[in-house]
Amino acid sequence: MYIIAIAWLYVVLLVAAADSSVVGGVLTFVFGGLGPLALFLWLVGTPARRRGRRPSSSRPRHGDDDRRP
C-alpha cells in the first residue's frame, strides 16, 4: 500500500513542478497530493486502528495470570 502512496506523491510532485508558478505548484502538491493521500491512508488504516484498540481475548493481560501467592 505504501508503494502506491509513494508513486502518487511522485506523480503529483512532477505535476506540481511543471506548474507555471511556485504558488500554483505548492497548492497543487498540497491539495492534489498530500490532502487526498492523507485522507486515503486514514480511511484505509481505520480497520487496523480498530483491531489495535480492541483487547485480544486470546492473550492474557499484564497481571491477569491465575497464579496465587
PDB file of N, CA and C in Angstrom:
ATOM      1  N   MET A   1       0.819  -1.182   0.000  1.00  0.00           N
ATOM      2  CA  MET A   1       0.000   0.000   0.000  1.00  0.00           C
ATOM      3  C   MET A   1       0.868   1.251   0.000  1.00  0.00           C
ATOM      4  N   TYR A   2       1.985   1.190   0.675  1.00  0.00           N
ATOM      5  CA  TYR A   2       2.838   2.375   0.739  1.00  0.00           C
ATOM      6  C   TYR A   2       3.513   2.670  -0.594  1.00  0.00           C
ATOM      7  N   ILE A   3       3.710   1.662  -1.424  1.00  0.00           N
ATOM      8  CA  ILE A   3       4.306   1.906  -2.735  1.00  0.00           C
ATOM      9  C   ILE A   3       3.358   2.726  -3.603  1.00  0.00           C
ATOM     10  N   ILE A   4       2.060   2.517  -3.441  1.00  0.00           N
ATOM     11  CA  ILE A   4       1.078   3.314  -4.177  1.00  0.00           C
ATOM     12  C   ILE A   4       1.106   4.754  -3.689  1.00  0.00           C
ATOM     13  N   ALA A   5       1.231   4.945  -2.377  1.00  0.00           N
ATOM     14  CA  ALA A   5       1.296   6.290  -1.821  1.00  0.00           C
ATOM     15  C   ALA A   5       2.547   7.028  -2.301  1.00  0.00           C
ATOM     16  N   ILE A   6       3.664   6.343  -2.339  1.00  0.00           N
ATOM     17  CA  ILE A   6       4.909   6.960  -2.814  1.00  0.00           C
ATOM     18  C   ILE A   6       4.801   7.304  -4.293  1.00  0.00           C
ATOM     19  N   ALA A   7       4.224   6.408  -5.073  1.00  0.00           N
ATOM     20  CA  ALA A   7       4.061   6.672  -6.511  1.00  0.00           C
ATOM     21  C   ALA A   7       3.114   7.846  -6.744  1.00  0.00           C
ATOM     22  N   TRP A   8       2.053   7.927  -5.973  1.00  0.00           N
ATOM     23  CA  TRP A   8       1.114   9.048  -6.115  1.00  0.00           C
ATOM     24  C   TRP A   8       1.804  10.373  -5.790  1.00  0.00           C
ATOM     25  N   LEU A   9       2.575  10.392  -4.717  1.00  0.00           N
ATOM     26  CA  LEU A   9       3.292  11.623  -4.380  1.00  0.00           C
ATOM     27  C   LEU A   9       4.310  11.983  -5.452  1.00  0.00           C
ATOM     28  N   TYR A  10       4.939  11.008  -6.047  1.00  0.00           N
ATOM     29  CA  TYR A  10       5.903  11.262  -7.114  1.00  0.00           C
ATOM     30  C   TYR A  10       5.220  11.899  -8.318  1.00  0.00           C
ATOM     31  N   VAL A  11       4.085  11.358  -8.713  1.00  0.00           N
ATOM     32  CA  VAL A  11       3.361  11.895  -9.868  1.00  0.00           C
ATOM     33  C   VAL A  11       2.870  13.312  -9.582  1.00  0.00           C
ATOM     34  N   VAL A  12       2.330  13.525  -8.409  1.00  0.00           N
ATOM     35  CA  VAL A  12       1.840  14.863  -8.068  1.00  0.00           C
ATOM     36  C   VAL A  12       2.996  15.848  -7.950  1.00  0.00           C
ATOM     37  N   LEU A  13       4.135  15.405  -7.467  1.00  0.00           N
ATOM     38  CA  LEU A  13       5.307  16.268  -7.398  1.00  0.00           C
ATOM     39  C   LEU A  13       5.760  16.688  -8.793  1.00  0.00           C
ATOM     40  N   LEU A  14       5.724  15.764  -9.748  1.00  0.00           N
ATOM     41  CA  LEU A  14       6.080  16.108 -11.120  1.00  0.00           C
ATOM     42  C   LEU A  14       5.079  17.080 -11.732  1.00  0.00           C
ATOM     43  N   VAL A  15       3.808  16.881 -11.447  1.00  0.00           N
ATOM     44  CA  VAL A  15       2.788  17.802 -11.950  1.00  0.00           C
ATOM     45  C   VAL A  15       2.968  19.177 -11.308  1.00  0.00           C
ATOM     46  N   ALA A  16       3.268  19.214 -10.034  1.00  0.00           N
ATOM     47  CA  ALA A  16       3.478  20.488  -9.347  1.00  0.00           C
ATOM     48  C   ALA A  16       4.726  21.188  -9.854  1.00  0.00           C
ATOM     49  N   ALA A  17       5.764  20.440 -10.189  1.00  0.00           N
ATOM     50  CA  ALA A  17       6.985  21.047 -10.712  1.00  0.00           C
ATOM     51  C   ALA A  17       6.761  21.621 -12.106  1.00  0.00           C
ATOM     52  N   ALA A  18       5.822  21.069 -12.851  1.00  0.00           N
ATOM     53  CA  ALA A  18       5.544  21.559 -14.196  1.00  0.00           C
ATOM     54  C   ALA A  18       4.591  22.753 -14.193  1.00  0.00           C
ATOM     55  N   ASP A  19       4.104  23.139 -13.028  1.00  0.00           N
ATOM     56  CA  ASP A  19       3.189  24.275 -12.947  1.00  0.00           C
ATOM     57  C   ASP A  19       3.941  25.563 -13.258  1.00  0.00           C
ATOM     58  N   SER A  20       3.189  26.570 -13.710  1.00  0.00           N
ATOM     59  CA  SER A  20       3.832  27.807 -14.177  1.00  0.00           C
ATOM     60  C   SER A  20       4.299  28.712 -13.047  1.00  0.00           C
ATOM     61  N   SER A  21       3.721  28.593 -11.854  1.00  0.00           N
ATOM     62  CA  SER A  21       4.142  29.449 -10.746  1.00  0.00           C
ATOM     63  C   SER A  21       4.469  28.597  -9.521  1.00  0.00           C
ATOM     64  N   VAL A  22       5.239  29.172  -8.629  1.00  0.00           N
ATOM     65  CA  VAL A  22       5.626  28.449  -7.415  1.00  0.00           C
ATOM     66  C   VAL A  22       4.413  28.243  -6.515  1.00  0.00           C
ATOM     67  N   VAL A  23       3.600  29.279  -6.377  1.00  0.00           N
ATOM     68  CA  VAL A  23       2.417  29.172  -5.529  1.00  0.00           C
ATOM     69  C   VAL A  23       1.458  28.115  -6.088  1.00  0.00           C
ATOM     70  N   GLY A  24       1.271  28.109  -7.383  1.00  0.00           N
ATOM     71  CA  GLY A  24       0.410  27.102  -8.005  1.00  0.00           C
ATOM     72  C   GLY A  24       0.959  25.701  -7.819  1.00  0.00           C
ATOM     73  N   GLY A  25       2.274  25.559  -7.901  1.00  0.00           N
ATOM     74  CA  GLY A  25       2.887  24.251  -7.697  1.00  0.00           C
ATOM     75  C   GLY A  25       2.727  23.749  -6.275  1.00  0.00           C
ATOM     76  N   VAL A  26       2.902  24.645  -5.324  1.00  0.00           N
ATOM     77  CA  VAL A  26       2.745  24.253  -3.923  1.00  0.00           C
ATOM     78  C   VAL A  26       1.291  23.882  -3.634  1.00  0.00           C
ATOM     79  N   LEU A  27       0.357  24.686  -4.144  1.00  0.00           N
ATOM     80  CA  LEU A  27      -1.056  24.380  -3.935  1.00  0.00           C
ATOM     81  C   LEU A  27      -1.453  23.083  -4.626  1.00  0.00           C
ATOM     82  N   THR A  28      -0.910  22.835  -5.804  1.00  0.00           N
ATOM     83  CA  THR A  28      -1.179  21.570  -6.492  1.00  0.00           C
ATOM     84  C   THR A  28      -0.670  20.394  -5.676  1.00  0.00           C
ATOM     85  N   PHE A  29       0.520  20.525  -5.126  1.00  0.00           N
ATOM     86  CA  PHE A  29       1.094  19.438  -4.340  1.00  0.00           C
ATOM     87  C   PHE A  29       0.300  19.198  -3.048  1.00  0.00           C
ATOM     88  N   VAL A  30      -0.112  20.272  -2.399  1.00  0.00           N
ATOM     89  CA  VAL A  30      -0.829  20.114  -1.134  1.00  0.00           C
ATOM     90  C   VAL A  30      -2.245  19.592  -1.359  1.00  0.00           C
ATOM     91  N   PHE A  31      -2.992  20.232  -2.283  1.00  0.00           N
ATOM     92  CA  PHE A  31      -4.394  19.862  -2.462  1.00  0.00           C
ATOM     93  C   PHE A  31      -4.599  18.706  -3.437  1.00  0.00           C
ATOM     94  N   GLY A  32      -3.618  18.387  -4.231  1.00  0.00           N
ATOM     95  CA  GLY A  32      -3.751  17.261  -5.144  1.00  0.00           C
ATOM     96  C   GLY A  32      -2.966  16.050  -4.711  1.00  0.00           C
ATOM     97  N   GLY A  33      -2.062  16.225  -3.749  1.00  0.00           N
ATOM     98  CA  GLY A  33      -1.222  15.123  -3.319  1.00  0.00           C
ATOM     99  C   GLY A  33      -1.335  14.808  -1.845  1.00  0.00           C
ATOM    100  N   LEU A  34      -0.939  15.753  -1.005  1.00  0.00           N
ATOM    101  CA  LEU A  34      -0.899  15.476   0.422  1.00  0.00           C
ATOM    102  C   LEU A  34      -2.284  15.325   1.044  1.00  0.00           C
ATOM    103  N   GLY A  35      -3.200  16.199   0.686  1.00  0.00           N
ATOM    104  CA  GLY A  35      -4.547  16.129   1.256  1.00  0.00           C
ATOM    105  C   GLY A  35      -5.276  14.844   0.923  1.00  0.00           C
ATOM    106  N   PRO A  36      -5.440  14.532  -0.366  1.00  0.00           N
ATOM    107  CA  PRO A  36      -6.127  13.276  -0.710  1.00  0.00           C
ATOM    108  C   PRO A  36      -5.396  12.027  -0.218  1.00  0.00           C
ATOM    109  N   LEU A  37      -4.067  12.073  -0.220  1.00  0.00           N
ATOM    110  CA  LEU A  37      -3.317  10.912   0.245  1.00  0.00           C
ATOM    111  C   LEU A  37      -3.492  10.706   1.744  1.00  0.00           C
ATOM    112  N   ALA A  38      -3.482  11.785   2.508  1.00  0.00           N
ATOM    113  CA  ALA A  38      -3.706  11.667   3.955  1.00  0.00           C
ATOM    114  C   ALA A  38      -5.096  11.114   4.240  1.00  0.00           C
ATOM    115  N   LEU A  39      -6.094  11.584   3.511  1.00  0.00           N
ATOM    116  CA  LEU A  39      -7.452  11.074   3.681  1.00  0.00           C
ATOM    117  C   LEU A  39      -7.537   9.595   3.308  1.00  0.00           C
ATOM    118  N   PHE A  40      -6.917   9.220   2.209  1.00  0.00           N
ATOM    119  CA  PHE A  40      -6.922   7.819   1.771  1.00  0.00           C
ATOM    120  C   PHE A  40      -6.250   6.909   2.800  1.00  0.00           C
ATOM    121  N   LEU A  41      -5.068   7.307   3.274  1.00  0.00           N
ATOM    122  CA  LEU A  41      -4.364   6.468   4.242  1.00  0.00           C
ATOM    123  C   LEU A  41      -5.116   6.397   5.567  1.00  0.00           C
ATOM    124  N   TRP A  42      -5.791   7.468   5.944  1.00  0.00           N
ATOM    125  CA  TRP A  42      -6.582   7.453   7.173  1.00  0.00           C
ATOM    126  C   TRP A  42      -7.768   6.499   7.031  1.00  0.00           C
ATOM    127  N   LEU A  43      -8.453   6.548   5.884  1.00  0.00           N
ATOM    128  CA  LEU A  43      -9.608   5.680   5.673  1.00  0.00           C
ATOM    129  C   LEU A  43      -9.201   4.214   5.556  1.00  0.00           C
ATOM    130  N   VAL A  44      -8.119   3.948   4.859  1.00  0.00           N
ATOM    131  CA  VAL A  44      -7.672   2.568   4.686  1.00  0.00           C
ATOM    132  C   VAL A  44      -7.102   2.005   5.989  1.00  0.00           C
ATOM    133  N   GLY A  45      -6.521   2.854   6.812  1.00  0.00           N
ATOM    134  CA  GLY A  45      -5.937   2.391   8.068  1.00  0.00           C
ATOM    135  C   GLY A  45      -6.918   2.258   9.207  1.00  0.00           C
ATOM    136  N   THR A  46      -8.189   2.624   9.010  1.00  0.00           N
ATOM    137  CA  THR A  46      -9.177   2.561  10.085  1.00  0.00           C
ATOM    138  C   THR A  46      -9.381   1.147  10.627  1.00  0.00           C
ATOM    139  N   PRO A  47      -9.518   0.114   9.795  1.00  0.00           N
ATOM    140  CA  PRO A  47      -9.684  -1.238  10.364  1.00  0.00           C
ATOM    141  C   PRO A  47      -8.493  -1.676  11.219  1.00  0.00           C
ATOM    142  N   ALA A  48      -7.297  -1.316  10.835  1.00  0.00           N
ATOM    143  CA  ALA A  48      -6.121  -1.696  11.625  1.00  0.00           C
ATOM    144  C   ALA A  48      -6.113  -0.977  12.967  1.00  0.00           C
ATOM    145  N   ARG A  49      -6.550   0.275  12.974  1.00  0.00           N
ATOM    146  CA  ARG A  49      -6.623   1.000  14.250  1.00  0.00           C
ATOM    147  C   ARG A  49      -7.678   0.393  15.160  1.00  0.00           C
ATOM    148  N   ARG A  50      -8.787  -0.042  14.581  1.00  0.00           N
ATOM    149  CA  ARG A  50      -9.832  -0.684  15.392  1.00  0.00           C
ATOM    150  C   ARG A  50      -9.346  -1.998  15.977  1.00  0.00           C
ATOM    151  N   ARG A  51      -8.625  -2.781  15.169  1.00  0.00           N
ATOM    152  CA  ARG A  51      -8.087  -4.044  15.683  1.00  0.00           C
ATOM    153  C   ARG A  51      -7.082  -3.790  16.790  1.00  0.00           C
ATOM    154  N   GLY A  52      -6.290  -2.746  16.674  1.00  0.00           N
ATOM    155  CA  GLY A  52      -5.298  -2.448  17.694  1.00  0.00           C
ATOM    156  C   GLY A  52      -5.912  -1.948  18.989  1.00  0.00           C
ATOM    157  N   ARG A  53      -7.060  -1.297  18.898  1.00  0.00           N
ATOM    158  CA  ARG A  53      -7.730  -0.774  20.082  1.00  0.00           C
ATOM    159  C   ARG A  53      -8.495  -1.851  20.840  1.00  0.00           C
ATOM    160  N   ARG A  54      -8.993  -2.847  20.119  1.00  0.00           N
ATOM    161  CA  ARG A  54      -9.802  -3.903  20.721  1.00  0.00           C
ATOM    162  C   ARG A  54      -8.900  -4.849  21.520  1.00  0.00           C
ATOM    163  N   PRO A  55      -9.249  -5.134  22.770  1.00  0.00           N
ATOM    164  CA  PRO A  55      -8.411  -6.068  23.536  1.00  0.00           C
ATOM    165  C   PRO A  55      -8.547  -7.489  22.998  1.00  0.00           C
ATOM    166  N   SER A  56      -7.451  -8.155  22.928  1.00  0.00           N
ATOM    167  CA  SER A  56      -7.449  -9.524  22.437  1.00  0.00           C
ATOM    168  C   SER A  56      -7.774 -10.478  23.589  1.00  0.00           C
ATOM    169  N   SER A  57      -8.741 -11.348  23.390  1.00  0.00           N
ATOM    170  CA  SER A  57      -9.138 -12.270  24.456  1.00  0.00           C
ATOM    171  C   SER A  57      -8.209 -13.482  24.522  1.00  0.00           C
ATOM    172  N   SER A  58      -7.406 -13.694  23.504  1.00  0.00           N
ATOM    173  CA  SER A  58      -6.552 -14.876  23.492  1.00  0.00           C
ATOM    174  C   SER A  58      -5.277 -14.685  24.304  1.00  0.00           C
ATOM    175  N   ARG A  59      -4.819 -13.465  24.438  1.00  0.00           N
ATOM    176  CA  ARG A  59      -3.592 -13.255  25.200  1.00  0.00           C
ATOM    177  C   ARG A  59      -3.938 -12.640  26.560  1.00  0.00           C
ATOM    178  N   PRO A  60      -3.306 -13.119  27.617  1.00  0.00           N
ATOM    179  CA  PRO A  60      -3.619 -12.575  28.945  1.00  0.00           C
ATOM    180  C   PRO A  60      -3.044 -11.167  29.097  1.00  0.00           C
ATOM    181  N   ARG A  61      -3.782 -10.370  29.830  1.00  0.00           N
ATOM    182  CA  ARG A  61      -3.304  -9.021  30.109  1.00  0.00           C
ATOM    183  C   ARG A  61      -2.262  -9.069  31.207  1.00  0.00           C
ATOM    184  N   HIS A  62      -1.513  -8.020  31.322  1.00  0.00           N
ATOM    185  CA  HIS A  62      -0.475  -7.944  32.342  1.00  0.00           C
ATOM    186  C   HIS A  62      -1.125  -7.997  33.724  1.00  0.00           C
ATOM    187  N   GLY A  63      -0.758  -8.966  34.524  1.00  0.00           N
ATOM    188  CA  GLY A  63      -1.291  -9.094  35.874  1.00  0.00           C
ATOM    189  C   GLY A  63      -2.527  -9.964  35.968  1.00  0.00           C
ATOM    190  N   ASP A  64      -2.988 -10.540  34.881  1.00  0.00           N
ATOM    191  CA  ASP A  64      -4.187 -11.381  34.907  1.00  0.00           C
ATOM    192  C   ASP A  64      -3.857 -12.869  34.863  1.00  0.00           C
ATOM    193  N   ASP A  65      -2.771 -13.274  35.451  1.00  0.00           N
ATOM    194  CA  ASP A  65      -2.455 -14.707  35.455  1.00  0.00           C
ATOM    195  C   ASP A  65      -3.188 -15.380  36.615  1.00  0.00           C
ATOM    196  N   ASP A  66      -3.303 -16.699  36.524  1.00  0.00           N
ATOM    197  CA  ASP A  66      -4.074 -17.467  37.514  1.00  0.00           C
ATOM    198  C   ASP A  66      -3.235 -17.883  38.711  1.00  0.00           C
ATOM    199  N   ARG A  67      -1.996 -17.514  38.768  1.00  0.00           N
ATOM    200  CA  ARG A  67      -1.141 -17.913  39.884  1.00  0.00           C
ATOM    201  C   ARG A  67      -1.497 -17.097  41.123  1.00  0.00           C
ATOM    202  N   ARG A  68      -1.603 -17.772  42.225  1.00  0.00           N
ATOM    203  CA  ARG A  68      -1.862 -17.118  43.524  1.00  0.00           C
ATOM    204  C   ARG A  68      -0.626 -17.291  44.391  1.00  0.00           C
ATOM    205  N   PRO A  69      -0.286 -16.287  45.174  1.00  0.00           N
ATOM    206  CA  PRO A  69       0.911 -16.457  46.060  1.00  0.00           C
ATOM    207  C   PRO A  69       0.653 -17.360  47.233  1.00  0.00           C
TER     208      PRO A  69
END
